[in-house]
Amino acid sequence: MPSTRILRLAARGFALVAAIAFAATSLLAQPPAPPAAAAVPMPTGAFSFPPSADPLTYAPTLTFDVTSVREAERGDGPFNMGLVAPPHTGQFSINIVTLSTLIGIAYGYGPTFQVTGGPDWVHDRFFRVEGKCDHSVDEALAKLPADQARLERLHMLQALLADRFHLKAHWETRTGNVLNLVIAKGGIKMQPTKLPPPVADRPDGSSSAPFTPALGVQAHGSRQGIEIDVQRFNTRAIGTLLGSQINAFIVDKTGQPATSLYDFTLQFSPNQSGTPDPDAYPSLFTALEEELGLKLEPSKGPVDTFVIDHADMPSEN
């Protein structure tokens, strides 16, 4: 059975990869964080995002018609978190997830951020969460540009957290750990993603829209440690994933373009203390260099921080 520490770290990683998969987070260059600032309260009912994210020009308003939240018993044996959120629909389902993970998904617009504050169960209690909408919402989302549909889906989940968990929070910009993601000696070891050619749907043989591949992520935990299987990630998304595991803000310094996508499997053990298990995966830092051909260099800098002021255990339905 995986340790509680492995579960927590895997949940952090799943929060970020699920945020990318659910919200189709932009893979463009990460904007720099602003200087330290005063706390920024979250407006009730309005879409909220990290302080260093680019300003919005669209205000999402949609919410789920029906929601269900039930506490989940994880049980023995390997854990397996799952997310179902078809694109351009108002349907959402996620299993074996903590509130801190849900926050990472719901507020995963723009830069990486850290979650702090709130009761202990925010990180230790697991839930099964579902949200459903009328077909008219699906039709409305399908007609929206991808960026606006992404914001609507995030807003729907933010509203669910406020309604079912009575979540109240604010943003702060704090000085914290910053790690620069760079290419290790010997170069990148990940396999470049092989993309299919764009569909030629015009009379002249060209494509009417650029091809945007879907991202693929699976996270698993066992006695050996954590295994994350990834398809179609660029180095910025990789930095986001790594930051979730070590609770640090990671800046992509690899120099790789956002259009360079990779497929890889990352196997590592978060528990490197005590008597080593001969079958355990290597540490994250070792696995990163040996398996992906990347490394992290420490620094300090401003970090977006999501501070939980209040949260209640939800009533089940």
Foldseek 3Di string as FASTA:
>chain_A
DDDLLLVLLLLLLCLLVLLCQQLVADLAAAADADPWDDWAFDDPQWQDEFPRFDDDPDTARDAFPDKFKDWDDQDDFKGWKDWDHDPLFLKTKIFFHAQLSLCSNLHVHGFAFAEDADDPSSRPTTMIMITHHDVVSSVVSVPDPSNNSSSNNSSRSVVVQCVFWVWTWIKTKDKDKEKEKEFAPPGWPFAWADDDDAQQPDPVRHHPDDDDDRKDWTWMAGPQGIKIWIWFADVSSVQSSVCSNVVHGYHYPHPDGSNGTGTFMFAAHCDPDDDDDPNHHHHNQVSCCVGTRMHIDIDMDIHMYIYIPGTHNGDGD
